[in-house]
Amino acid sequence: MAWICTKSFVWELPSSLVVLAADFVGAFSRLVKPASCSEWACYTISVKSPEDPPQEVQLQPVSEDMIIALQNHVESDENQLKSGLRFWRNGMHQAYIWMEGNEPLCIQWLLTSKDNEKLRGLPDWAGMYPPIDDEVGQVENLYAFKAARGRGVATIFEKALFCEAQKLGLSRLITHVHQENEATHKWARKLRWHRCGTITLFGLDFRKLREHPIFIHSK
């Protein structure tokens, strides 16, 4: 089964029908100028037996005090960090951070089935998220702070997060990467994420439809 999602509604349909819908909207968007179409690749990975990260890595659950500090951080306007802070404001408070002294190195959100209702209530991008199954986690907004880049912190952090997910009783994780972000695709494959589907965003640039894009989740 696969999904068609909008801002407020979710429909589960046979995968074959959803694939046909994705093909149709892709062709339509190429013919009709007010229409737009974007795609993301979906990935999954098993965390039943995660590889142990280096011992010096200590991930911490993000706290309210940390969020206040991050809101005032010099990098608070960076897209991935700003998007994660929006998750927090909308009630999704399960995130992990790697600190070195008082300086953040890397942060990422971990969404689970308990966040499904909150995801439906997102003011933007709710359609990006079909219901998350039990024992599955969705990782979002991995952000490596600028001072820590070039040290492989994102890879080390992600391996540590796999261990945290396993401790929570999750068996696998899912994520998505924009089709044009080749560097992140290569990084995901290096970490042994496996391609498992596609998300197609279809929008019409008309006044009453602009705020209700359709997200097609096909396998």
C-alpha atoms as a PDB file:
ATOM      1  CA  MET A   1       0.000   0.000   0.000  1.00  0.00           C
ATOM      2  CA  ALA A   2       1.009   3.633  -0.525  1.00  0.00           C
ATOM      3  CA  TRP A   3      -0.364   7.059   0.323  1.00  0.00           C
ATOM      4  CA  ILE A   4      -1.794  10.282  -1.058  1.00  0.00           C
ATOM      5  CA  CYS A   5      -1.594  13.067   1.525  1.00  0.00           C
ATOM      6  CA  THR A   6      -2.656  16.696   1.708  1.00  0.00           C
ATOM      7  CA  LYS A   7      -2.504  19.279   4.472  1.00  0.00           C
ATOM      8  CA  SER A   8      -5.293  17.616   6.466  1.00  0.00           C
ATOM      9  CA  PHE A   9      -6.147  14.279   4.841  1.00  0.00           C
ATOM     10  CA  VAL A  10      -4.452  10.936   4.252  1.00  0.00           C
ATOM     11  CA  TRP A  11      -5.601   8.197   1.868  1.00  0.00           C
ATOM     12  CA  GLU A  12      -4.045   4.731   1.791  1.00  0.00           C
ATOM     13  CA  LEU A  13      -4.329   3.133  -1.656  1.00  0.00           C
ATOM     14  CA  PRO A  14      -2.867   0.148  -3.523  1.00  0.00           C
ATOM     15  CA  SER A  15       0.682   0.923  -4.664  1.00  0.00           C
ATOM     16  CA  SER A  16      -0.229   0.415  -8.319  1.00  0.00           C
ATOM     17  CA  LEU A  17      -2.856   3.183  -8.193  1.00  0.00           C
ATOM     18  CA  VAL A  18      -0.502   5.562  -6.415  1.00  0.00           C
ATOM     19  CA  VAL A  19       2.237   4.983  -8.996  1.00  0.00           C
ATOM     20  CA  LEU A  20      -0.257   5.789 -11.771  1.00  0.00           C
ATOM     21  CA  ALA A  21      -1.278   8.948  -9.908  1.00  0.00           C
ATOM     22  CA  ALA A  22       2.372  10.018  -9.590  1.00  0.00           C
ATOM     23  CA  ASP A  23       2.947   9.452 -13.322  1.00  0.00           C
ATOM     24  CA  PHE A  24      -0.176  11.439 -14.170  1.00  0.00           C
ATOM     25  CA  VAL A  25       0.655  14.488 -12.043  1.00  0.00           C
ATOM     26  CA  GLY A  26       4.223  14.473 -13.332  1.00  0.00           C
ATOM     27  CA  ALA A  27       3.005  14.599 -16.925  1.00  0.00           C
ATOM     28  CA  PHE A  28       0.351  17.195 -16.051  1.00  0.00           C
ATOM     29  CA  SER A  29       2.870  19.487 -14.362  1.00  0.00           C
ATOM     30  CA  ARG A  30       5.038  19.462 -17.488  1.00  0.00           C
ATOM     31  CA  LEU A  31       2.091  20.547 -19.654  1.00  0.00           C
ATOM     32  CA  VAL A  32       0.369  23.094 -17.412  1.00  0.00           C
ATOM     33  CA  LYS A  33       2.497  26.121 -16.486  1.00  0.00           C
ATOM     34  CA  PRO A  34       0.795  26.945 -13.152  1.00  0.00           C
ATOM     35  CA  ALA A  35       1.561  23.380 -11.968  1.00  0.00           C
ATOM     36  CA  SER A  36       4.748  22.349 -10.180  1.00  0.00           C
ATOM     37  CA  CYS A  37       6.253  18.988  -9.300  1.00  0.00           C
ATOM     38  CA  SER A  38       9.123  18.034  -6.969  1.00  0.00           C
ATOM     39  CA  GLU A  39      10.422  14.632  -5.880  1.00  0.00           C
ATOM     40  CA  TRP A  40      12.216  13.115  -2.911  1.00  0.00           C
ATOM     41  CA  ALA A  41      13.716   9.644  -2.627  1.00  0.00           C
ATOM     42  CA  CYS A  42      12.682   7.632   0.436  1.00  0.00           C
ATOM     43  CA  TYR A  43      15.220   5.532   2.311  1.00  0.00           C
ATOM     44  CA  THR A  44      15.039   2.951   5.094  1.00  0.00           C
ATOM     45  CA  ILE A  45      17.559   1.189   7.314  1.00  0.00           C
ATOM     46  CA  SER A  46      17.344  -1.564   9.935  1.00  0.00           C
ATOM     47  CA  VAL A  47      18.493  -0.623  13.432  1.00  0.00           C
ATOM     48  CA  LYS A  48      17.988  -4.032  15.028  1.00  0.00           C
ATOM     49  CA  SER A  49      21.774  -4.523  15.299  1.00  0.00           C
ATOM     50  CA  PRO A  50      23.353  -1.071  14.877  1.00  0.00           C
ATOM     51  CA  GLU A  51      27.077  -0.566  14.568  1.00  0.00           C
ATOM     52  CA  ASP A  52      28.515   0.881  17.782  1.00  0.00           C
ATOM     53  CA  PRO A  53      29.695   4.475  17.316  1.00  0.00           C
ATOM     54  CA  PRO A  54      32.995   5.702  18.823  1.00  0.00           C
ATOM     55  CA  GLN A  55      32.851   5.747  22.619  1.00  0.00           C
ATOM     56  CA  GLU A  56      33.433   9.498  22.838  1.00  0.00           C
ATOM     57  CA  VAL A  57      30.064  10.184  21.184  1.00  0.00           C
ATOM     58  CA  GLN A  58      27.448  11.074  23.779  1.00  0.00           C
ATOM     59  CA  LEU A  59      24.078  12.087  22.368  1.00  0.00           C
ATOM     60  CA  GLN A  60      21.730  13.984  24.658  1.00  0.00           C
ATOM     61  CA  PRO A  61      17.975  14.418  24.391  1.00  0.00           C
ATOM     62  CA  VAL A  62      17.256  18.011  23.454  1.00  0.00           C
ATOM     63  CA  SER A  63      15.786  20.050  26.313  1.00  0.00           C
ATOM     64  CA  GLU A  64      13.759  23.260  26.421  1.00  0.00           C
ATOM     65  CA  ASP A  65      16.845  25.161  27.617  1.00  0.00           C
ATOM     66  CA  MET A  66      18.801  23.871  24.619  1.00  0.00           C
ATOM     67  CA  ILE A  67      16.026  24.998  22.277  1.00  0.00           C
ATOM     68  CA  ILE A  68      16.161  28.509  23.731  1.00  0.00           C
ATOM     69  CA  ALA A  69      19.933  28.563  23.194  1.00  0.00           C
ATOM     70  CA  LEU A  70      19.553  27.298  19.618  1.00  0.00           C
ATOM     71  CA  GLN A  71      16.918  29.930  18.850  1.00  0.00           C
ATOM     72  CA  ASN A  72      19.556  32.521  19.710  1.00  0.00           C
ATOM     73  CA  HIS A  73      22.409  30.704  17.970  1.00  0.00           C
ATOM     74  CA  VAL A  74      24.214  32.498  15.152  1.00  0.00           C
ATOM     75  CA  GLU A  75      23.111  29.678  12.800  1.00  0.00           C
ATOM     76  CA  SER A  76      19.441  29.691  13.819  1.00  0.00           C
ATOM     77  CA  ASP A  77      18.358  30.840  10.339  1.00  0.00           C
ATOM     78  CA  GLU A  78      19.988  27.870   8.599  1.00  0.00           C
ATOM     79  CA  ASN A  79      17.223  25.908   6.861  1.00  0.00           C
ATOM     80  CA  GLN A  80      17.659  22.487   8.503  1.00  0.00           C
ATOM     81  CA  LEU A  81      18.050  23.931  11.989  1.00  0.00           C
ATOM     82  CA  LYS A  82      15.125  26.324  11.547  1.00  0.00           C
ATOM     83  CA  SER A  83      12.933  23.468  10.286  1.00  0.00           C
ATOM     84  CA  GLY A  84      13.808  21.369  13.329  1.00  0.00           C
ATOM     85  CA  LEU A  85      12.942  24.224  15.668  1.00  0.00           C
ATOM     86  CA  ARG A  86       9.529  24.403  13.970  1.00  0.00           C
ATOM     87  CA  PHE A  87       8.997  20.734  14.845  1.00  0.00           C
ATOM     88  CA  TRP A  88       9.636  21.605  18.489  1.00  0.00           C
ATOM     89  CA  ARG A  89       7.158  24.483  18.405  1.00  0.00           C
ATOM     90  CA  ASN A  90       4.541  22.086  17.002  1.00  0.00           C
ATOM     91  CA  GLY A  91       4.973  19.628  19.867  1.00  0.00           C
ATOM     92  CA  MET A  92       7.536  17.173  18.476  1.00  0.00           C
ATOM     93  CA  HIS A  93      10.112  17.145  21.254  1.00  0.00           C
ATOM     94  CA  GLN A  94      12.121  13.988  20.569  1.00  0.00           C
ATOM     95  CA  ALA A  95      15.443  15.192  19.217  1.00  0.00           C
ATOM     96  CA  TYR A  96      19.078  14.431  19.987  1.00  0.00           C
ATOM     97  CA  ILE A  97      22.132  16.675  20.080  1.00  0.00           C
ATOM     98  CA  TRP A  98      25.885  16.064  20.280  1.00  0.00           C
ATOM     99  CA  MET A  99      27.658  18.665  22.396  1.00  0.00           C
ATOM    100  CA  GLU A 100      31.380  19.341  22.769  1.00  0.00           C
ATOM    101  CA  GLY A 101      31.715  21.409  25.912  1.00  0.00           C
ATOM    102  CA  ASN A 102      29.164  24.168  25.474  1.00  0.00           C
ATOM    103  CA  GLU A 103      29.192  24.005  21.683  1.00  0.00           C
ATOM    104  CA  PRO A 104      26.708  21.968  19.598  1.00  0.00           C
ATOM    105  CA  LEU A 105      28.180  19.727  16.922  1.00  0.00           C
ATOM    106  CA  CYS A 106      25.131  18.038  15.395  1.00  0.00           C
ATOM    107  CA  ILE A 107      21.377  17.698  15.970  1.00  0.00           C
ATOM    108  CA  GLN A 108      18.511  15.650  14.526  1.00  0.00           C
ATOM    109  CA  TRP A 109      14.827  14.963  15.210  1.00  0.00           C
ATOM    110  CA  LEU A 110      13.460  11.423  15.642  1.00  0.00           C
ATOM    111  CA  LEU A 111       9.722  11.102  14.940  1.00  0.00           C
ATOM    112  CA  THR A 112       7.665   8.043  15.902  1.00  0.00           C
ATOM    113  CA  SER A 113       4.045   6.889  15.753  1.00  0.00           C
ATOM    114  CA  LYS A 114       3.233   9.021  18.811  1.00  0.00           C
ATOM    115  CA  ASP A 115       3.842  12.072  16.597  1.00  0.00           C
ATOM    116  CA  ASN A 116       1.308  11.133  13.900  1.00  0.00           C
ATOM    117  CA  GLU A 117      -1.443  13.441  15.132  1.00  0.00           C
ATOM    118  CA  LYS A 118       0.996  16.337  15.568  1.00  0.00           C
ATOM    119  CA  LEU A 119       2.361  15.829  12.051  1.00  0.00           C
ATOM    120  CA  ARG A 120      -1.154  16.108  10.632  1.00  0.00           C
ATOM    121  CA  GLY A 121      -1.474  19.451  12.361  1.00  0.00           C
ATOM    122  CA  LEU A 122       1.632  21.009  10.825  1.00  0.00           C
ATOM    123  CA  PRO A 123       0.744  24.322   9.172  1.00  0.00           C
ATOM    124  CA  ASP A 124       3.086  23.502   6.262  1.00  0.00           C
ATOM    125  CA  TRP A 125       4.402  20.239   4.800  1.00  0.00           C
ATOM    126  CA  ALA A 126       1.957  17.997   6.684  1.00  0.00           C
ATOM    127  CA  GLY A 127       1.442  16.031   3.465  1.00  0.00           C
ATOM    128  CA  MET A 128       5.096  15.001   3.517  1.00  0.00           C
ATOM    129  CA  TYR A 129       4.314  12.613   6.375  1.00  0.00           C
ATOM    130  CA  PRO A 130       1.981   9.623   6.062  1.00  0.00           C
ATOM    131  CA  PRO A 131       1.293   7.787   9.339  1.00  0.00           C
ATOM    132  CA  ILE A 132       4.427   6.326  10.908  1.00  0.00           C
ATOM    133  CA  ASP A 133       4.075   2.659  11.847  1.00  0.00           C
ATOM    134  CA  ASP A 134       4.818   1.308  15.314  1.00  0.00           C
ATOM    135  CA  GLU A 135       8.461   0.201  15.692  1.00  0.00           C
ATOM    136  CA  VAL A 136       9.448   2.657  12.925  1.00  0.00           C
ATOM    137  CA  GLY A 137      11.152   6.015  13.415  1.00  0.00           C
ATOM    138  CA  GLN A 138      11.529   8.867  10.963  1.00  0.00           C
ATOM    139  CA  VAL A 139      14.693  10.974  11.174  1.00  0.00           C
ATOM    140  CA  GLU A 140      14.422  14.607  10.121  1.00  0.00           C
ATOM    141  CA  ASN A 141      16.564  17.730   9.842  1.00  0.00           C
ATOM    142  CA  LEU A 142      20.062  16.415  10.431  1.00  0.00           C
ATOM    143  CA  TYR A 143      22.172  19.527  10.932  1.00  0.00           C
ATOM    144  CA  ALA A 144      25.936  19.695  11.465  1.00  0.00           C
ATOM    145  CA  PHE A 145      27.036  23.049  12.855  1.00  0.00           C
ATOM    146  CA  LYS A 146      29.548  24.931  10.753  1.00  0.00           C
ATOM    147  CA  ALA A 147      32.428  24.780  13.243  1.00  0.00           C
ATOM    148  CA  ALA A 148      32.200  20.971  13.271  1.00  0.00           C
ATOM    149  CA  ARG A 149      32.047  20.361   9.530  1.00  0.00           C
ATOM    150  CA  GLY A 150      34.830  18.496   7.774  1.00  0.00           C
ATOM    151  CA  ARG A 151      35.252  16.133  10.729  1.00  0.00           C
ATOM    152  CA  GLY A 152      32.692  13.515   9.715  1.00  0.00           C
ATOM    153  CA  VAL A 153      30.438  14.441  12.635  1.00  0.00           C
ATOM    154  CA  ALA A 154      27.203  13.822  10.698  1.00  0.00           C
ATOM    155  CA  THR A 155      28.187  10.208   9.964  1.00  0.00           C
ATOM    156  CA  ILE A 156      29.327   9.558  13.536  1.00  0.00           C
ATOM    157  CA  PHE A 157      26.190  11.219  14.912  1.00  0.00           C
ATOM    158  CA  GLU A 158      23.912   9.134  12.695  1.00  0.00           C
ATOM    159  CA  LYS A 159      25.479   5.873  13.831  1.00  0.00           C
ATOM    160  CA  ALA A 160      24.970   6.959  17.437  1.00  0.00           C
ATOM    161  CA  LEU A 161      21.351   7.833  16.671  1.00  0.00           C
ATOM    162  CA  PHE A 162      20.802   4.319  15.272  1.00  0.00           C
ATOM    163  CA  CYS A 163      21.758   3.008  18.724  1.00  0.00           C
ATOM    164  CA  GLU A 164      19.353   5.415  20.446  1.00  0.00           C
ATOM    165  CA  ALA A 165      16.542   4.295  18.120  1.00  0.00           C
ATOM    166  CA  GLN A 166      17.256   0.648  18.921  1.00  0.00           C
ATOM    167  CA  LYS A 167      17.086   1.429  22.664  1.00  0.00           C
ATOM    168  CA  LEU A 168      13.603   2.874  22.091  1.00  0.00           C
ATOM    169  CA  GLY A 169      12.457  -0.449  20.628  1.00  0.00           C
ATOM    170  CA  LEU A 170      12.439   0.712  17.009  1.00  0.00           C
ATOM    171  CA  SER A 171      13.363  -1.833  14.359  1.00  0.00           C
ATOM    172  CA  ARG A 172      13.987   0.481  11.421  1.00  0.00           C
ATOM    173  CA  LEU A 173      14.228   4.107  10.432  1.00  0.00           C
ATOM    174  CA  ILE A 174      13.010   6.011   7.392  1.00  0.00           C
ATOM    175  CA  THR A 175      14.003   9.336   5.851  1.00  0.00           C
ATOM    176  CA  HIS A 176      13.786  11.220   2.567  1.00  0.00           C
ATOM    177  CA  VAL A 177      16.250  13.145   0.384  1.00  0.00           C
ATOM    178  CA  HIS A 178      15.437  15.598  -2.407  1.00  0.00           C
ATOM    179  CA  GLN A 179      16.148  14.016  -5.780  1.00  0.00           C
ATOM    180  CA  GLU A 180      18.612  16.775  -6.725  1.00  0.00           C
ATOM    181  CA  ASN A 181      20.714  16.469  -3.554  1.00  0.00           C
ATOM    182  CA  GLU A 182      23.267  14.029  -4.936  1.00  0.00           C
ATOM    183  CA  ALA A 183      25.782  14.570  -2.116  1.00  0.00           C
ATOM    184  CA  THR A 184      23.248  13.434   0.499  1.00  0.00           C
ATOM    185  CA  HIS A 185      22.193  10.463  -1.649  1.00  0.00           C
ATOM    186  CA  LYS A 186      25.830   9.295  -1.730  1.00  0.00           C
ATOM    187  CA  TRP A 187      26.161   9.819   2.024  1.00  0.00           C
ATOM    188  CA  ALA A 188      22.974   7.816   2.706  1.00  0.00           C
ATOM    189  CA  ARG A 189      24.136   4.928   0.547  1.00  0.00           C
ATOM    190  CA  LYS A 190      27.508   4.938   2.314  1.00  0.00           C
ATOM    191  CA  LEU A 191      25.662   4.494   5.618  1.00  0.00           C
ATOM    192  CA  ARG A 192      23.718   1.586   4.029  1.00  0.00           C
ATOM    193  CA  TRP A 193      20.346   3.264   3.781  1.00  0.00           C
ATOM    194  CA  HIS A 194      18.254   1.487   1.128  1.00  0.00           C
ATOM    195  CA  ARG A 195      15.951   3.194  -1.379  1.00  0.00           C
ATOM    196  CA  CYS A 196      12.325   2.286  -0.621  1.00  0.00           C
ATOM    197  CA  GLY A 197      10.088   4.710  -2.507  1.00  0.00           C
ATOM    198  CA  THR A 198       9.422   8.189  -3.833  1.00  0.00           C
ATOM    199  CA  ILE A 199       7.527  11.250  -2.612  1.00  0.00           C
ATOM    200  CA  THR A 200       6.065  13.448  -5.360  1.00  0.00           C
ATOM    201  CA  LEU A 201       4.848  16.935  -4.461  1.00  0.00           C
ATOM    202  CA  PHE A 202       2.260  18.328  -6.858  1.00  0.00           C
ATOM    203  CA  GLY A 203       0.980  21.883  -6.580  1.00  0.00           C
ATOM    204  CA  LEU A 204      -1.180  24.249  -8.616  1.00  0.00           C
ATOM    205  CA  ASP A 205      -0.420  27.961  -8.501  1.00  0.00           C
ATOM    206  CA  PHE A 206      -4.027  29.060  -8.236  1.00  0.00           C
ATOM    207  CA  ARG A 207      -5.303  31.183  -5.340  1.00  0.00           C
ATOM    208  CA  LYS A 208      -7.559  28.576  -3.709  1.00  0.00           C
ATOM    209  CA  LEU A 209      -5.256  25.612  -4.402  1.00  0.00           C
ATOM    210  CA  ARG A 210      -1.839  27.113  -3.632  1.00  0.00           C
ATOM    211  CA  GLU A 211      -2.057  26.206   0.082  1.00  0.00           C
ATOM    212  CA  HIS A 212      -3.179  22.610  -0.563  1.00  0.00           C
ATOM    213  CA  PRO A 213      -0.418  20.752  -2.398  1.00  0.00           C
ATOM    214  CA  ILE A 214      -0.756  16.991  -2.912  1.00  0.00           C
ATOM    215  CA  PHE A 215       1.970  14.601  -1.751  1.00  0.00           C
ATOM    216  CA  ILE A 216       2.068  11.185  -3.426  1.00  0.00           C
ATOM    217  CA  HIS A 217       3.999   8.515  -1.536  1.00  0.00           C
ATOM    218  CA  SER A 218       4.751   5.571  -3.822  1.00  0.00           C
ATOM    219  CA  LYS A 219       6.876   2.466  -3.280  1.00  0.00           C
END
